[in-house]
Protein backbone atom coordinates (compact mmCIF):
# COMPACT_ATOMS: atom_id res chain seq x y z
CA LYS A 1 -82.45 3.98 11.12
CA ASP A 2 -79.93 6.17 8.85
CA LYS A 3 -76.94 4.94 11.18
CA LYS A 4 -78.06 1.04 10.43
CA GLY A 5 -78.28 1.79 6.61
CA PHE A 6 -75.06 3.63 6.39
CA ILE A 7 -73.43 0.60 8.52
CA ARG A 8 -75.13 -2.03 6.29
CA SER A 9 -73.71 0.03 2.92
CA ARG A 10 -70.13 0.07 4.46
CA ILE A 11 -70.37 -3.71 5.24
CA ASP A 12 -71.75 -4.43 1.64
CA SER A 13 -68.74 -2.12 0.21
CA VAL A 14 -66.06 -4.09 1.95
CA LYS A 15 -67.34 -7.53 1.00
CA LYS A 16 -67.30 -6.42 -2.36
CA GLU A 17 -63.44 -5.05 -2.16
CA ILE A 18 -62.78 -8.43 -0.53
CA GLU A 19 -64.15 -10.50 -3.53
CA ARG A 20 -62.45 -8.54 -5.73
CA ALA A 21 -59.10 -8.66 -4.24
CA LYS A 22 -59.63 -12.57 -4.19
CA LYS A 23 -60.58 -12.71 -7.73
CA ARG A 24 -57.12 -10.52 -8.67
CA ARG A 25 -55.06 -12.86 -6.51
CA LYS A 26 -56.52 -16.00 -7.57
CA GLY A 27 -54.00 -18.61 -8.98
CA LYS A 28 -50.78 -16.61 -7.93
CA GLY A 29 -50.54 -18.86 -4.70
CA LYS A 30 -50.75 -22.00 -6.64
CA LEU A 31 -47.69 -24.41 -6.88
CA LEU A 32 -46.78 -24.75 -10.56
CA GLY A 33 -45.90 -28.07 -11.88
CA GLY A 34 -42.39 -29.03 -13.42
CA SER A 35 -42.86 -28.36 -16.87
CA GLU A 36 -45.05 -25.01 -15.72
CA ARG A 37 -42.09 -23.81 -13.99
CA ARG A 38 -39.58 -24.38 -16.60
CA ASP A 39 -41.83 -22.29 -19.01
CA SER A 40 -42.29 -19.63 -16.78
CA LEU A 41 -38.68 -19.38 -15.77
CA ALA A 42 -37.58 -19.58 -19.31
CA SER A 43 -39.93 -16.80 -20.32
CA SER A 44 -39.15 -14.40 -17.73
CA PRO A 45 -35.79 -13.32 -19.31
CA LYS A 46 -37.44 -12.68 -22.48
CA ARG A 47 -39.89 -10.74 -21.14
CA GLU A 48 -37.45 -8.74 -19.40
CA GLN A 49 -35.39 -8.27 -22.55
CA GLU A 50 -38.34 -6.91 -24.48
CA LYS A 51 -38.99 -4.43 -21.93
CA ASN A 52 -35.15 -3.36 -21.96
CA GLU A 53 -35.16 -2.98 -25.71
CA LYS A 54 -38.84 -1.37 -25.76
CA PHE A 55 -37.01 1.19 -23.31
CA ALA A 56 -34.05 1.64 -25.34
CA SER A 57 -35.91 2.11 -28.35
CA ARG A 58 -37.56 4.93 -27.01
CA LEU A 59 -34.20 6.71 -26.45
CA GLY A 60 -33.02 5.52 -30.08
CA LYS A 61 -30.71 2.99 -28.93
CA LYS A 62 -30.74 -0.78 -29.39
CA ASN A 63 -30.45 -1.98 -25.90
CA LEU A 64 -29.50 -0.97 -22.44
CA SER A 65 -25.68 -1.32 -22.63
CA GLU A 66 -25.60 1.08 -25.62
CA VAL A 67 -27.74 3.46 -23.37
CA MET A 68 -25.63 3.01 -20.51
CA PHE A 69 -21.86 3.02 -22.07
CA GLY A 70 -22.68 4.21 -25.76
CA HIS A 71 -21.93 1.07 -27.37
CA ASP A 72 -22.68 -2.44 -27.62
CA ASN A 73 -22.19 -5.57 -25.23
CA SER A 74 -19.60 -6.99 -27.57
CA HIS A 75 -17.11 -3.81 -27.11
CA LEU A 76 -17.77 -3.65 -23.30
CA GLY A 77 -14.68 -5.99 -22.35
CA GLN A 78 -12.20 -3.61 -24.82
CA VAL A 79 -13.43 -0.59 -23.19
CA ASN A 80 -13.07 -1.62 -19.73
CA LEU A 81 -9.61 -2.77 -20.68
CA GLU A 82 -8.73 0.48 -22.51
CA ASP A 83 -10.48 2.49 -19.57
CA ASP A 84 -8.20 0.60 -16.95
CA ALA A 85 -5.05 1.01 -19.05
CA PHE A 86 -5.42 4.86 -19.36
CA ALA A 87 -6.18 5.52 -15.51
CA ASP A 88 -3.16 3.34 -15.01
CA TRP A 89 -0.92 5.44 -17.79
CA TYR A 90 -2.22 8.59 -16.00
CA ARG A 91 -1.20 7.62 -12.55
CA LYS A 92 2.19 6.30 -13.80
CA THR A 93 2.81 9.61 -15.83
CA ALA A 94 0.96 12.66 -14.24
CA GLY A 95 3.76 14.74 -12.21
CA MET A 96 6.58 12.95 -13.28
CA HIS A 97 8.35 16.15 -14.76
CA THR A 98 8.29 17.41 -10.87
CA VAL A 99 10.61 14.50 -9.70
CA GLU A 100 12.60 13.95 -12.92
CA THR A 101 15.49 15.80 -11.63
CA TRP A 102 15.59 13.81 -8.54
CA LEU A 103 15.68 10.55 -10.19
CA SER A 104 18.16 11.55 -12.73
CA ASN A 105 20.75 12.16 -9.79
CA TYR A 106 20.36 8.42 -8.49
CA LYS A 107 24.20 8.24 -8.18
CA ARG A 108 24.22 11.01 -5.51
CA HIS A 109 21.50 8.92 -3.53
CA PRO A 110 22.84 7.47 -0.27
CA TYR A 111 20.33 4.69 -0.07
CA ALA A 112 19.30 4.44 -3.95
CA TRP A 113 15.75 3.85 -3.27
CA GLY A 114 14.86 6.02 -6.35
CA ALA A 115 17.09 3.58 -8.44
CA LEU A 116 14.85 0.69 -7.07
CA ILE A 117 11.59 2.69 -7.92
CA MET A 118 12.76 3.16 -11.50
CA ILE A 119 13.74 -0.76 -11.77
CA HIS A 120 10.70 -2.19 -9.98
CA GLY A 121 8.04 0.50 -10.25
CA VAL A 122 6.46 2.38 -7.65
CA ASP A 123 3.68 -0.53 -6.70
CA GLU A 124 6.37 -3.29 -5.79
CA VAL A 125 8.49 -0.83 -4.04
CA SER A 126 5.77 0.41 -1.98
CA ALA A 127 4.51 -3.08 -1.04
CA ARG A 128 7.64 -4.24 0.06
CA LEU A 129 8.35 -1.06 2.43
CA ARG A 130 4.73 -1.35 3.49
CA SER A 131 5.37 -4.89 4.46
CA LYS A 132 8.54 -3.96 6.19
CA VAL A 133 7.17 -1.37 8.44
CA GLU A 134 4.18 -3.49 9.35
CA ASN A 135 6.05 -6.51 10.54
CA TYR A 136 8.16 -4.14 12.63
CA ALA A 137 5.00 -2.54 14.09
CA VAL A 138 3.62 -6.09 14.67
CA TYR A 139 6.88 -7.41 16.55
CA SER A 140 7.12 -4.21 18.21
CA ALA A 141 3.49 -4.44 19.84
CA VAL A 142 4.18 -7.90 21.08
CA LEU A 143 7.52 -6.87 22.84
CA LEU A 144 5.69 -3.57 24.06
CA SER A 145 3.12 -5.60 25.77
CA ALA A 146 5.82 -7.85 27.59
CA SER A 147 7.72 -4.66 28.53
CA VAL A 148 4.65 -2.95 29.90
CA VAL A 149 3.82 -5.88 32.09
CA MET A 150 7.42 -6.05 33.58
CA LEU A 151 7.45 -2.43 34.38
CA ILE A 152 4.31 -1.90 36.06
CA MET A 153 4.52 -5.36 37.75
CA PRO A 154 7.74 -5.81 39.11
CA GLU A 155 6.35 -7.26 42.34
CA ILE A 156 5.95 -10.67 40.72
CA ASN A 157 9.55 -11.16 41.33
CA GLU A 158 9.78 -12.03 44.83
CA HIS A 159 13.41 -10.60 45.32
CA PHE A 160 13.04 -7.33 43.51
CA LEU A 161 11.97 -5.35 46.43
CA ASP A 162 15.13 -6.60 48.58
CA ALA A 163 17.51 -5.67 45.38
CA HIS A 164 19.84 -2.85 45.49
CA TRP A 165 18.67 0.61 44.35
CA VAL A 166 21.18 0.49 41.43
CA PHE A 167 19.58 -2.65 39.97
CA LYS A 168 16.29 -1.44 40.54
CA ARG A 169 17.29 1.84 38.68
CA ILE A 170 18.75 -0.22 35.81
CA PHE A 171 15.60 -2.24 35.42
CA LEU A 172 13.42 0.70 35.19
CA TYR A 173 15.35 2.71 32.86
CA SER A 174 15.96 -0.14 30.51
CA MET A 175 12.22 -0.80 30.58
CA CYS A 176 11.22 2.62 29.96
CA ILE A 177 13.69 2.45 27.19
CA SER A 178 12.12 -0.45 25.68
CA VAL A 179 8.57 0.56 25.81
CA ALA A 180 9.57 4.22 24.36
CA SER A 181 11.60 2.42 21.41
CA HIS A 182 8.71 0.05 20.41
CA LEU A 183 6.08 2.77 20.73
CA THR A 184 8.25 4.86 18.47
CA SER A 185 8.82 2.11 15.91
CA ILE A 186 4.82 1.49 16.13
CA LEU A 187 3.88 5.18 15.64
CA LEU A 188 6.43 5.57 12.82
CA SER A 189 5.23 2.51 10.96
CA MET A 190 1.61 4.12 11.30
CA ALA A 191 2.66 7.45 10.03
CA PHE A 192 4.46 5.78 6.90
CA VAL A 193 1.76 3.47 5.87
CA ASN A 194 -0.65 6.35 6.25
CA ALA A 195 0.94 8.80 4.06
CA LEU A 196 1.70 6.09 1.49
CA ASN A 197 -2.01 5.35 1.49
CA GLU A 198 -2.86 8.99 0.37
CA ALA A 199 -0.19 9.35 -2.20
CA SER A 200 -2.40 9.21 -5.19
CA ARG A 201 0.16 9.26 -8.12
CA ASP A 202 3.53 7.37 -8.85
CA ALA A 203 4.94 10.97 -8.71
CA ASP A 204 3.59 11.67 -5.20
CA VAL A 205 5.06 8.32 -3.84
CA ILE A 206 8.71 9.27 -5.41
CA ARG A 207 8.34 12.75 -3.73
CA MET A 208 7.65 11.35 -0.46
CA PHE A 209 10.86 9.53 -0.91
CA ALA A 210 12.64 12.35 -1.86
CA GLU A 211 11.45 15.33 -0.03
CA GLY A 212 9.81 13.52 2.64
CA GLN A 213 12.61 11.05 3.12
CA GLY A 214 10.41 8.11 3.37
CA PHE A 215 13.04 5.52 3.45
CA LEU A 216 14.73 7.60 6.49
CA ALA A 217 11.37 6.86 8.38
CA THR A 218 11.56 3.36 7.61
CA ASP A 219 14.98 2.88 8.68
CA LYS A 220 14.23 4.87 12.03
CA CYS A 221 11.50 2.39 12.37
CA SER A 222 13.96 -0.81 12.19
CA LYS A 223 16.53 1.18 14.33
CA ALA A 224 14.05 1.76 17.10
CA PHE A 225 12.98 -1.75 17.01
CA SER A 226 16.59 -2.85 17.60
CA TYR A 227 17.04 -0.41 20.30
CA GLY A 228 13.77 -1.63 22.12
CA ILE A 229 14.88 -5.16 21.87
CA ALA A 230 18.62 -4.25 23.25
CA SER A 231 17.08 -2.54 26.28
CA LEU A 232 14.66 -5.14 27.07
CA ALA A 233 17.70 -7.49 26.94
CA VAL A 234 19.46 -5.50 29.48
CA GLY A 235 16.34 -5.56 31.80
CA ILE A 236 15.93 -9.27 31.28
CA LEU A 237 19.77 -9.62 32.26
CA ASP A 238 19.17 -7.52 35.23
CA MET A 239 16.17 -9.46 36.47
CA VAL A 240 18.41 -12.62 36.00
CA LEU A 241 20.90 -10.83 38.33
CA ILE A 242 18.66 -10.30 40.81
CA ASN A 243 16.70 -13.36 41.23
CA PHE A 244 19.71 -15.61 40.68
CA SER A 245 23.31 -14.88 40.64
CA VAL A 246 25.89 -13.05 38.64
CA TRP A 247 27.03 -16.25 36.73
CA ASP A 248 23.87 -17.04 35.64
CA MET A 249 23.54 -13.37 34.06
CA ILE A 250 26.88 -14.00 32.33
CA ALA A 251 25.92 -17.32 30.87
CA CYS A 252 22.73 -15.60 29.68
CA ALA A 253 24.72 -12.90 28.20
CA ILE A 254 27.25 -15.46 26.37
CA LEU A 255 24.04 -17.22 24.89
CA GLY A 256 22.87 -14.20 23.69
CA SER A 257 26.27 -13.12 22.26
CA ALA A 258 26.33 -16.74 20.43
CA ILE A 259 22.97 -15.91 18.78
CA MET A 260 24.00 -12.67 17.45
CA TYR A 261 27.48 -13.99 16.14
CA LYS A 262 25.57 -16.48 13.94
CA ILE A 263 22.88 -13.83 13.02
CA ILE A 264 25.06 -10.87 11.87
CA PRO A 265 27.77 -12.80 9.28
CA THR A 266 24.61 -14.37 7.77
CA SER A 267 22.77 -10.92 7.35
CA ARG A 268 25.88 -9.47 6.00
CA LYS A 269 26.38 -12.02 3.47
CA LEU A 270 22.67 -12.00 2.38
CA PHE A 271 22.66 -8.23 1.85
CA GLY A 272 26.37 -8.13 0.45
CA SER A 273 25.71 -10.30 -2.20
CA SER A 274 22.04 -9.09 -3.67
CA SER A 275 21.20 -5.70 -2.04
CA LEU A 276 20.94 -2.74 -3.98
CA VAL A 277 22.55 -0.32 -1.52
CA SER A 278 24.92 -2.76 -0.15
CA TYR A 279 26.10 -4.50 -3.11
CA TRP A 280 25.32 -2.65 -6.33
CA ARG A 281 25.25 0.94 -5.00
CA TRP A 282 28.50 1.14 -2.94
CA GLY A 283 30.12 -2.24 -4.08
CA VAL A 284 30.33 -3.91 -0.81
CA GLY A 285 31.78 -7.43 -1.32
CA LYS A 286 30.89 -10.72 0.22
CA ASP A 287 33.37 -10.22 3.19
CA GLY A 288 32.40 -6.40 3.76
CA GLU A 289 35.32 -5.09 1.89
CA ILE A 290 34.87 -2.34 -0.78
CA GLY A 291 36.04 -3.70 -4.26
CA SER A 292 33.55 -6.13 -5.51
CA ARG A 293 31.96 -6.69 -9.16
CA ALA A 294 30.26 -3.37 -9.00
CA VAL A 295 33.28 -1.32 -8.28
CA GLU A 296 35.47 -2.99 -10.57
CA ASN A 297 32.92 -2.35 -13.31
CA GLU A 298 31.99 -6.05 -14.03
CA ASP A 299 28.44 -5.03 -12.88
CA PRO A 300 28.35 -1.19 -13.10
CA PHE A 301 25.51 0.87 -11.44
CA ASP A 302 24.19 2.51 -14.55
CA LEU A 303 20.36 3.21 -15.01
CA ARG A 304 20.45 4.92 -18.37
CA VAL A 305 17.71 2.30 -19.49
CA PRO A 306 15.12 3.12 -16.86
CA MET A 307 15.90 6.79 -16.78
CA GLU A 308 15.22 6.80 -20.37
CA ARG A 309 11.46 5.88 -19.66
CA VAL A 310 11.45 8.10 -16.58
CA ARG A 311 12.30 10.96 -19.27
CA ALA A 312 9.71 9.90 -21.55
CA LYS A 313 6.92 9.92 -18.78
CA ALA A 314 8.36 13.53 -17.67
CA ARG A 315 7.77 14.67 -21.11
CA ILE A 316 3.97 13.15 -21.13
CA SER A 317 3.20 14.88 -17.99
CA GLU A 318 4.83 18.18 -18.68
CA ARG A 319 2.70 18.26 -22.22
CA LEU A 320 -0.33 17.49 -19.94
CA TYR A 321 0.23 20.25 -17.62
CA ASN A 322 1.00 22.71 -20.31
CA ILE A 323 -2.32 21.73 -21.91
CA LEU A 324 -4.28 22.05 -18.67
CA GLN A 325 -2.56 25.53 -18.09
CA GLY A 326 -3.59 26.72 -21.54
CA LYS A 327 0.26 26.96 -22.25
CA LEU A 328 0.27 24.44 -25.12
CA THR A 329 -1.71 25.05 -28.35
CA LEU A 330 -1.92 23.78 -31.87
CA GLU A 331 0.50 26.47 -32.99
CA ASN A 332 3.40 25.99 -30.51
CA HIS A 333 3.13 22.34 -30.14
CA LYS A 334 5.68 21.39 -32.79
CA GLU A 335 7.90 24.00 -31.05
CA PHE A 336 7.32 22.51 -27.81
CA GLU A 337 8.13 18.75 -29.21
CA GLU A 338 11.21 19.89 -30.91
CA GLY A 339 12.40 21.55 -27.40
CA GLY A 340 11.53 18.56 -25.39
CA GLY A 341 9.14 20.05 -23.65
CA GLY A 342 9.36 23.67 -21.68
CA GLY A 343 12.54 24.29 -23.68
CA ARG A 344 14.48 21.63 -21.78
CA GLY A 345 15.58 19.72 -24.89
CA GLY A 346 19.05 19.25 -23.40
CA GLU A 347 17.91 16.68 -20.87
CA ARG A 348 16.37 14.55 -23.72
CA GLU A 349 19.18 12.12 -23.88
CA SER A 350 18.48 8.81 -25.70
CA LEU A 351 20.44 5.64 -25.48
CA GLU A 352 22.40 6.22 -28.38
CA GLY A 353 23.46 9.50 -27.33
């Protein structure tokens, strides 16, 4: 009897809970009409706004924007632009005093990429070089796959096994050189892009070109790609000789030489008329001879205008460094300004000077 009474009481309590739950959920599953739905949607943002204002009033603020950012929504866009501008200016100025000397000696640089950085900025030059090495890496990967297939499957040519051992060695060594060259181009490209991605400030990118010889890395990448193409061409000519005849090989070599004869002069004209290194830095004329407008002082290689901006950034960077190190206080701030920063007033040259 006690067990039956306990079970009945539990059943009754469960039924009561179910009825109460149904009453609480009553009306929530009904589909609203058009006007009711519009009213509910229109009132929802207002209720949310009231909740936000009530929460902000507890903290002594007008709205959530003032709680989060310290100001009203009307100033949010301006403050956001100011924050971005300040972060961008810090990236461009911090550490510039460490590379100022290298940039000031731009006439001693053999490749003049420091001058290109001062003219176009670090972002533009980095994008150009990144695109350059990535293109070499992509085409090297394509040619590497072809070289590997020809190297590990020479039996696809029916006359290869019966060829003379000299021709076999020529094919083997040329394919090995092609594979090694294209692989070197890919790895150099990856190393350059990874190092460039980890450079945090403009000064770090410039230092990568100065101390890390970043442009030489891109030049090695292009040269490795050229060596890979040349060795692959030798292997292809060797296979033409094995499968056909010496006259066919000569005909293919003449065709390749004719293509290079058209490409090289066109490339020289393009670089000789616009390149910073070929035209402006070393003064190579349109026909390749020394003595163009740059050498004859019609278009001198003079970068005093961008160099003045570099010096201004270096002064700001040096002031920031001294402040962070505790070397610059209100007492010696005037002395620092008059001395040009760290006692190097002689380097503060203006355009008029």
